[in-house]
Amino acid sequence: MSIDAPRERPVIGSLAESSSLRSRVTEVLRQAMVAGELEPGRIYSAPALAERLGVSATPVREAMMELTKEGLVETLRHRGYRVVELGEVTLDEIIEVRELIEVPTVGRVAAVATPEQVALLRPLADRLNETAAAGELQEFIATDTTFHLRLLGIAGNQRLVEEVGRLRGMARLSALRRLYEEGRLGATAREHHDLLDLIEARDVAGAEALMRRHLGHVRGVWAGRDEG
């Protein structure tokens, strides 16, 4: 008497689609928190968010678990998820870590980037100027993230890029609209072309200095207070 071997599910195939959907939902929710669309202190339910996203509640719950691990939300039993309000000390610590990572990495990029790689980033810098001028704040955030992660990617360390993406997602541009109304967002946007000019000229010291100043703006903007 033979015993049939159990039928195995194609684990890799079955996980791929689920993982991809969970990752997309996680990124959308993270961007919504950065943009202030999901407000700190408010409680959101997985079914309600799932309805807004057009997906089932399962990937939303999985995404919220991931965001809980990152410290962006807290789970409230039988109530939902509350977006965490980050304090000034935490925001300063995030920017300090980003400076330690991004400033020298931009210097490395200035030393190795090809003209073709710099040229590919120019349209993103143009788009940042356009969205800043038009006050398209969510589009500005998304484009800014894409620009910086692609720029850092030229250095060739994908884990570094992923870590910076995670750190960016932990802070929020709560004062972005105020900067736009005060006419200061455009100046920050224009620094992206200035940075590309320095990289194209292989000015390592200049690129590092500008990146440090740029993150100084971020400290003020993301914390919702004057630059320190």
C-alpha atoms as a PDB file:
ATOM      1  CA  MET A   1       0.000   0.000   0.000  1.00  0.00           C
ATOM      2  CA  SER A   2       1.501   3.273  -1.025  1.00  0.00           C
ATOM      3  CA  ILE A   3       0.904   6.613   0.524  1.00  0.00           C
ATOM      4  CA  ASP A   4       0.595   9.442  -1.916  1.00  0.00           C
ATOM      5  CA  ALA A   5       3.023  12.256  -1.302  1.00  0.00           C
ATOM      6  CA  PRO A   6       1.287  15.413  -0.115  1.00  0.00           C
ATOM      7  CA  ARG A   7       0.642  17.984  -2.784  1.00  0.00           C
ATOM      8  CA  GLU A   8       2.862  20.971  -2.238  1.00  0.00           C
ATOM      9  CA  ARG A   9       1.840  24.559  -2.871  1.00  0.00           C
ATOM     10  CA  PRO A  10       4.241  26.583  -5.010  1.00  0.00           C
ATOM     11  CA  VAL A  11       5.442  28.710  -2.118  1.00  0.00           C
ATOM     12  CA  ILE A  12       7.533  31.127  -4.177  1.00  0.00           C
ATOM     13  CA  GLY A  13       4.764  31.715  -6.675  1.00  0.00           C
ATOM     14  CA  SER A  14       2.071  32.138  -4.056  1.00  0.00           C
ATOM     15  CA  LEU A  15       4.080  34.567  -1.964  1.00  0.00           C
ATOM     16  CA  ALA A  16       5.222  36.787  -4.794  1.00  0.00           C
ATOM     17  CA  GLU A  17       1.869  38.402  -5.548  1.00  0.00           C
ATOM     18  CA  SER A  18       0.901  38.759  -1.883  1.00  0.00           C
ATOM     19  CA  SER A  19       4.268  40.223  -0.957  1.00  0.00           C
ATOM     20  CA  SER A  20       4.136  42.655  -3.847  1.00  0.00           C
ATOM     21  CA  LEU A  21       0.668  43.859  -2.884  1.00  0.00           C
ATOM     22  CA  ARG A  22       1.633  44.196   0.768  1.00  0.00           C
ATOM     23  CA  SER A  23       4.719  46.200  -0.206  1.00  0.00           C
ATOM     24  CA  ARG A  24       2.673  48.526  -2.411  1.00  0.00           C
ATOM     25  CA  VAL A  25       0.079  49.062   0.319  1.00  0.00           C
ATOM     26  CA  THR A  26       2.825  49.685   2.881  1.00  0.00           C
ATOM     27  CA  GLU A  27       4.461  52.305   0.669  1.00  0.00           C
ATOM     28  CA  VAL A  28       1.170  54.073  -0.081  1.00  0.00           C
ATOM     29  CA  LEU A  29       0.302  54.232   3.627  1.00  0.00           C
ATOM     30  CA  ARG A  30       3.805  55.430   4.488  1.00  0.00           C
ATOM     31  CA  GLN A  31       3.577  58.224   1.898  1.00  0.00           C
ATOM     32  CA  ALA A  32       0.125  59.179   3.200  1.00  0.00           C
ATOM     33  CA  MET A  33       1.627  59.560   6.674  1.00  0.00           C
ATOM     34  CA  VAL A  34       4.529  61.640   5.363  1.00  0.00           C
ATOM     35  CA  ALA A  35       2.103  63.863   3.479  1.00  0.00           C
ATOM     36  CA  GLY A  36      -0.148  64.260   6.509  1.00  0.00           C
ATOM     37  CA  GLU A  37      -3.122  62.625   4.774  1.00  0.00           C
ATOM     38  CA  LEU A  38      -3.123  60.102   7.606  1.00  0.00           C
ATOM     39  CA  GLU A  39      -2.922  62.373  10.630  1.00  0.00           C
ATOM     40  CA  PRO A  40      -0.885  61.762  13.786  1.00  0.00           C
ATOM     41  CA  GLY A  41      -3.071  60.872  16.755  1.00  0.00           C
ATOM     42  CA  ARG A  42      -6.027  59.711  14.676  1.00  0.00           C
ATOM     43  CA  ILE A  43      -7.236  56.116  14.691  1.00  0.00           C
ATOM     44  CA  TYR A  44      -7.820  54.286  11.398  1.00  0.00           C
ATOM     45  CA  SER A  45      -9.414  50.897  10.829  1.00  0.00           C
ATOM     46  CA  ALA A  46      -8.048  48.346   8.385  1.00  0.00           C
ATOM     47  CA  PRO A  47     -11.441  47.858   6.619  1.00  0.00           C
ATOM     48  CA  ALA A  48     -11.881  51.601   6.091  1.00  0.00           C
ATOM     49  CA  LEU A  49      -8.357  52.012   4.706  1.00  0.00           C
ATOM     50  CA  ALA A  50      -8.808  48.921   2.552  1.00  0.00           C
ATOM     51  CA  GLU A  51     -11.955  50.408   1.032  1.00  0.00           C
ATOM     52  CA  ARG A  52     -10.112  53.638   0.207  1.00  0.00           C
ATOM     53  CA  LEU A  53      -7.261  51.675  -1.390  1.00  0.00           C
ATOM     54  CA  GLY A  54      -9.501  49.241  -3.263  1.00  0.00           C
ATOM     55  CA  VAL A  55      -7.953  46.140  -1.683  1.00  0.00           C
ATOM     56  CA  SER A  56      -8.936  43.609   0.961  1.00  0.00           C
ATOM     57  CA  ALA A  57      -8.264  44.267   4.627  1.00  0.00           C
ATOM     58  CA  THR A  58      -5.568  41.568   4.842  1.00  0.00           C
ATOM     59  CA  PRO A  59      -2.715  43.435   3.040  1.00  0.00           C
ATOM     60  CA  VAL A  60      -3.647  46.569   4.984  1.00  0.00           C
ATOM     61  CA  ARG A  61      -3.294  44.721   8.292  1.00  0.00           C
ATOM     62  CA  GLU A  62       0.004  43.223   7.105  1.00  0.00           C
ATOM     63  CA  ALA A  63       1.215  46.680   6.069  1.00  0.00           C
ATOM     64  CA  MET A  64       0.192  48.153   9.417  1.00  0.00           C
ATOM     65  CA  MET A  65       2.139  45.415  11.197  1.00  0.00           C
ATOM     66  CA  GLU A  66       5.221  46.425   9.203  1.00  0.00           C
ATOM     67  CA  LEU A  67       4.657  50.106   9.943  1.00  0.00           C
ATOM     68  CA  THR A  68       4.198  49.262  13.623  1.00  0.00           C
ATOM     69  CA  LYS A  69       7.640  47.645  13.617  1.00  0.00           C
ATOM     70  CA  GLU A  70       9.027  50.855  12.109  1.00  0.00           C
ATOM     71  CA  GLY A  71       7.454  52.900  14.889  1.00  0.00           C
ATOM     72  CA  LEU A  72       5.092  54.801  12.596  1.00  0.00           C
ATOM     73  CA  VAL A  73       1.821  53.456  14.015  1.00  0.00           C
ATOM     74  CA  GLU A  74       0.617  51.714  17.144  1.00  0.00           C
ATOM     75  CA  THR A  75      -1.961  48.946  17.259  1.00  0.00           C
ATOM     76  CA  LEU A  76      -4.995  49.526  19.481  1.00  0.00           C
ATOM     77  CA  ARG A  77      -6.753  46.286  20.325  1.00  0.00           C
ATOM     78  CA  HIS A  78     -10.265  46.109  18.819  1.00  0.00           C
ATOM     79  CA  ARG A  79      -9.992  49.744  17.716  1.00  0.00           C
ATOM     80  CA  GLY A  80      -7.534  49.964  14.833  1.00  0.00           C
ATOM     81  CA  TYR A  81      -4.260  51.773  14.283  1.00  0.00           C
ATOM     82  CA  ARG A  82      -3.113  55.158  15.506  1.00  0.00           C
ATOM     83  CA  VAL A  83      -0.500  57.171  13.620  1.00  0.00           C
ATOM     84  CA  VAL A  84       2.312  58.011  16.037  1.00  0.00           C
ATOM     85  CA  GLU A  85       3.211  61.638  16.688  1.00  0.00           C
ATOM     86  CA  LEU A  86       7.007  61.878  16.550  1.00  0.00           C
ATOM     87  CA  GLY A  87       8.681  64.311  18.912  1.00  0.00           C
ATOM     88  CA  GLU A  88      11.367  66.832  18.038  1.00  0.00           C
ATOM     89  CA  VAL A  89      14.107  64.717  19.629  1.00  0.00           C
ATOM     90  CA  THR A  90      13.175  61.716  17.478  1.00  0.00           C
ATOM     91  CA  LEU A  91      13.029  63.838  14.336  1.00  0.00           C
ATOM     92  CA  ASP A  92      16.441  65.330  15.095  1.00  0.00           C
ATOM     93  CA  GLU A  93      17.861  61.849  15.637  1.00  0.00           C
ATOM     94  CA  ILE A  94      16.477  60.703  12.280  1.00  0.00           C
ATOM     95  CA  ILE A  95      18.071  63.639  10.472  1.00  0.00           C
ATOM     96  CA  GLU A  96      21.357  63.049  12.283  1.00  0.00           C
ATOM     97  CA  VAL A  97      21.433  59.456  11.071  1.00  0.00           C
ATOM     98  CA  ARG A  98      20.509  60.568   7.559  1.00  0.00           C
ATOM     99  CA  GLU A  99      23.378  63.063   7.582  1.00  0.00           C
ATOM    100  CA  LEU A 100      25.803  60.323   8.590  1.00  0.00           C
ATOM    101  CA  ILE A 101      24.590  58.173   5.697  1.00  0.00           C
ATOM    102  CA  GLU A 102      23.638  60.555   2.911  1.00  0.00           C
ATOM    103  CA  VAL A 103      26.343  63.232   3.034  1.00  0.00           C
ATOM    104  CA  PRO A 104      29.318  60.881   2.432  1.00  0.00           C
ATOM    105  CA  THR A 105      27.275  58.806  -0.002  1.00  0.00           C
ATOM    106  CA  VAL A 106      26.514  61.876  -2.108  1.00  0.00           C
ATOM    107  CA  GLY A 107      30.267  62.523  -2.057  1.00  0.00           C
ATOM    108  CA  ARG A 108      30.843  59.027  -3.425  1.00  0.00           C
ATOM    109  CA  VAL A 109      28.214  59.637  -6.092  1.00  0.00           C
ATOM    110  CA  ALA A 110      29.981  62.861  -7.123  1.00  0.00           C
ATOM    111  CA  ALA A 111      33.166  60.859  -7.593  1.00  0.00           C
ATOM    112  CA  VAL A 112      31.675  58.064  -9.726  1.00  0.00           C
ATOM    113  CA  ALA A 113      28.491  59.306 -11.443  1.00  0.00           C
ATOM    114  CA  THR A 114      28.482  59.349 -15.233  1.00  0.00           C
ATOM    115  CA  PRO A 115      26.985  62.216 -17.251  1.00  0.00           C
ATOM    116  CA  GLU A 116      24.272  59.800 -18.383  1.00  0.00           C
ATOM    117  CA  GLN A 117      23.289  59.000 -14.797  1.00  0.00           C
ATOM    118  CA  VAL A 118      23.113  62.679 -13.910  1.00  0.00           C
ATOM    119  CA  ALA A 119      21.045  63.405 -17.019  1.00  0.00           C
ATOM    120  CA  LEU A 120      18.458  60.800 -15.995  1.00  0.00           C
ATOM    121  CA  LEU A 121      17.854  62.730 -12.758  1.00  0.00           C
ATOM    122  CA  ARG A 122      17.345  66.118 -14.437  1.00  0.00           C
ATOM    123  CA  PRO A 123      13.651  65.524 -15.312  1.00  0.00           C
ATOM    124  CA  LEU A 124      12.950  64.699 -11.668  1.00  0.00           C
ATOM    125  CA  ALA A 125      14.640  67.936 -10.585  1.00  0.00           C
ATOM    126  CA  ASP A 126      12.525  69.790 -13.162  1.00  0.00           C
ATOM    127  CA  ARG A 127       9.395  68.129 -11.798  1.00  0.00           C
ATOM    128  CA  LEU A 128      10.298  69.213  -8.268  1.00  0.00           C
ATOM    129  CA  ASN A 129      10.484  72.843  -9.420  1.00  0.00           C
ATOM    130  CA  GLU A 130       7.110  72.470 -11.137  1.00  0.00           C
ATOM    131  CA  THR A 131       5.335  70.834  -8.199  1.00  0.00           C
ATOM    132  CA  ALA A 132       6.816  73.318  -5.742  1.00  0.00           C
ATOM    133  CA  ALA A 133       5.587  76.247  -7.837  1.00  0.00           C
ATOM    134  CA  ALA A 134       2.126  74.721  -8.245  1.00  0.00           C
ATOM    135  CA  GLY A 135       1.775  73.650  -4.623  1.00  0.00           C
ATOM    136  CA  GLU A 136       1.271  70.014  -5.622  1.00  0.00           C
ATOM    137  CA  LEU A 137       2.562  68.862  -2.268  1.00  0.00           C
ATOM    138  CA  GLN A 138       1.916  65.127  -2.410  1.00  0.00           C
ATOM    139  CA  GLU A 139       3.468  64.923  -5.863  1.00  0.00           C
ATOM    140  CA  PHE A 140       6.421  66.943  -4.563  1.00  0.00           C
ATOM    141  CA  ILE A 141       6.956  64.451  -1.739  1.00  0.00           C
ATOM    142  CA  ALA A 142       6.786  61.442  -4.058  1.00  0.00           C
ATOM    143  CA  THR A 143       9.144  63.009  -6.612  1.00  0.00           C
ATOM    144  CA  ASP A 144      11.568  64.154  -3.920  1.00  0.00           C
ATOM    145  CA  THR A 145      11.762  60.632  -2.524  1.00  0.00           C
ATOM    146  CA  THR A 146      12.339  59.141  -5.972  1.00  0.00           C
ATOM    147  CA  PHE A 147      15.055  61.697  -6.755  1.00  0.00           C
ATOM    148  CA  HIS A 148      17.060  61.118  -3.597  1.00  0.00           C
ATOM    149  CA  LEU A 149      16.812  57.331  -3.597  1.00  0.00           C
ATOM    150  CA  ARG A 150      17.841  57.115  -7.259  1.00  0.00           C
ATOM    151  CA  LEU A 151      20.703  59.524  -6.598  1.00  0.00           C
ATOM    152  CA  LEU A 152      21.975  57.451  -3.685  1.00  0.00           C
ATOM    153  CA  GLY A 153      21.517  54.304  -5.752  1.00  0.00           C
ATOM    154  CA  ILE A 154      24.331  55.427  -8.052  1.00  0.00           C
ATOM    155  CA  ALA A 155      26.734  54.547  -5.218  1.00  0.00           C
ATOM    156  CA  GLY A 156      25.717  50.918  -5.690  1.00  0.00           C
ATOM    157  CA  ASN A 157      24.530  49.966  -2.195  1.00  0.00           C
ATOM    158  CA  GLN A 158      20.894  48.875  -2.306  1.00  0.00           C
ATOM    159  CA  ARG A 159      20.679  48.214   1.439  1.00  0.00           C
ATOM    160  CA  LEU A 160      21.739  51.800   2.074  1.00  0.00           C
ATOM    161  CA  VAL A 161      19.042  53.044  -0.290  1.00  0.00           C
ATOM    162  CA  GLU A 162      16.408  50.952   1.480  1.00  0.00           C
ATOM    163  CA  GLU A 163      17.488  52.242   4.889  1.00  0.00           C
ATOM    164  CA  VAL A 164      17.313  55.868   3.782  1.00  0.00           C
ATOM    165  CA  GLY A 165      13.862  55.187   2.331  1.00  0.00           C
ATOM    166  CA  ARG A 166      12.785  53.799   5.699  1.00  0.00           C
ATOM    167  CA  LEU A 167      14.199  56.794   7.573  1.00  0.00           C
ATOM    168  CA  ARG A 168      12.494  59.248   5.214  1.00  0.00           C
ATOM    169  CA  GLY A 169       9.219  57.479   5.880  1.00  0.00           C
ATOM    170  CA  MET A 170       9.541  58.042   9.625  1.00  0.00           C
ATOM    171  CA  ALA A 171       9.285  61.835   9.391  1.00  0.00           C
ATOM    172  CA  ARG A 172       6.472  63.985   8.100  1.00  0.00           C
ATOM    173  CA  LEU A 173       6.334  67.179   6.067  1.00  0.00           C
ATOM    174  CA  SER A 174       3.737  68.725   8.344  1.00  0.00           C
ATOM    175  CA  ALA A 175       4.912  72.277   7.589  1.00  0.00           C
ATOM    176  CA  LEU A 176       5.157  71.838   3.829  1.00  0.00           C
ATOM    177  CA  ARG A 177       2.037  73.834   3.040  1.00  0.00           C
ATOM    178  CA  ARG A 178       3.245  76.694   5.252  1.00  0.00           C
ATOM    179  CA  LEU A 179       6.571  76.759   3.390  1.00  0.00           C
ATOM    180  CA  TYR A 180       4.739  76.855   0.069  1.00  0.00           C
ATOM    181  CA  GLU A 181       2.535  79.722   1.246  1.00  0.00           C
ATOM    182  CA  GLU A 182       5.625  81.611   2.460  1.00  0.00           C
ATOM    183  CA  GLY A 183       7.356  81.080  -0.893  1.00  0.00           C
ATOM    184  CA  ARG A 184      10.233  79.050   0.541  1.00  0.00           C
ATOM    185  CA  LEU A 185       9.490  75.664  -1.019  1.00  0.00           C
ATOM    186  CA  GLY A 186      10.816  76.725  -4.422  1.00  0.00           C
ATOM    187  CA  ALA A 187      14.275  77.469  -3.037  1.00  0.00           C
ATOM    188  CA  THR A 188      14.494  73.988  -1.548  1.00  0.00           C
ATOM    189  CA  ALA A 189      13.352  72.487  -4.853  1.00  0.00           C
ATOM    190  CA  ARG A 190      15.999  74.377  -6.834  1.00  0.00           C
ATOM    191  CA  GLU A 191      18.760  72.854  -4.716  1.00  0.00           C
ATOM    192  CA  HIS A 192      18.243  69.566  -6.544  1.00  0.00           C
ATOM    193  CA  HIS A 193      19.535  71.000  -9.821  1.00  0.00           C
ATOM    194  CA  ASP A 194      22.370  72.704  -7.906  1.00  0.00           C
ATOM    195  CA  LEU A 195      23.305  69.341  -6.416  1.00  0.00           C
ATOM    196  CA  LEU A 196      23.319  67.703  -9.842  1.00  0.00           C
ATOM    197  CA  ASP A 197      25.545  70.504 -11.172  1.00  0.00           C
ATOM    198  CA  LEU A 198      28.083  69.820  -8.422  1.00  0.00           C
ATOM    199  CA  ILE A 199      27.962  66.084  -9.031  1.00  0.00           C
ATOM    200  CA  GLU A 200      28.390  66.580 -12.768  1.00  0.00           C
ATOM    201  CA  ALA A 201      31.452  68.745 -12.036  1.00  0.00           C
ATOM    202  CA  ARG A 202      32.787  65.991  -9.706  1.00  0.00           C
ATOM    203  CA  ASP A 203      32.903  68.517  -6.873  1.00  0.00           C
ATOM    204  CA  VAL A 204      32.862  66.054  -3.970  1.00  0.00           C
ATOM    205  CA  ALA A 205      33.279  68.637  -1.204  1.00  0.00           C
ATOM    206  CA  GLY A 206      30.705  70.964  -2.749  1.00  0.00           C
ATOM    207  CA  ALA A 207      28.147  68.182  -3.178  1.00  0.00           C
ATOM    208  CA  GLU A 208      28.608  67.044   0.426  1.00  0.00           C
ATOM    209  CA  ALA A 209      28.249  70.606   1.731  1.00  0.00           C
ATOM    210  CA  LEU A 210      25.054  71.197  -0.242  1.00  0.00           C
ATOM    211  CA  MET A 211      23.601  67.878   0.874  1.00  0.00           C
ATOM    212  CA  ARG A 212      24.303  68.825   4.480  1.00  0.00           C
ATOM    213  CA  ARG A 213      22.524  72.183   3.995  1.00  0.00           C
ATOM    214  CA  HIS A 214      19.638  70.447   2.233  1.00  0.00           C
ATOM    215  CA  LEU A 215      19.150  68.123   5.187  1.00  0.00           C
ATOM    216  CA  GLY A 216      19.264  71.196   7.404  1.00  0.00           C
ATOM    217  CA  HIS A 217      16.160  72.418   5.589  1.00  0.00           C
ATOM    218  CA  VAL A 218      14.604  69.015   6.108  1.00  0.00           C
ATOM    219  CA  ARG A 219      15.222  69.207   9.856  1.00  0.00           C
ATOM    220  CA  GLY A 220      13.210  72.404  10.037  1.00  0.00           C
ATOM    221  CA  VAL A 221      10.527  71.417   7.558  1.00  0.00           C
ATOM    222  CA  TRP A 222       9.855  67.909   8.805  1.00  0.00           C
ATOM    223  CA  ALA A 223       9.853  68.976  12.440  1.00  0.00           C
ATOM    224  CA  GLY A 224       7.531  71.866  11.615  1.00  0.00           C
ATOM    225  CA  ARG A 225       9.821  74.497  13.095  1.00  0.00           C
ATOM    226  CA  ASP A 226      12.684  76.796  12.163  1.00  0.00           C
ATOM    227  CA  GLU A 227      15.912  75.247  10.905  1.00  0.00           C
ATOM    228  CA  GLY A 228      18.460  74.420  13.535  1.00  0.00           C
END
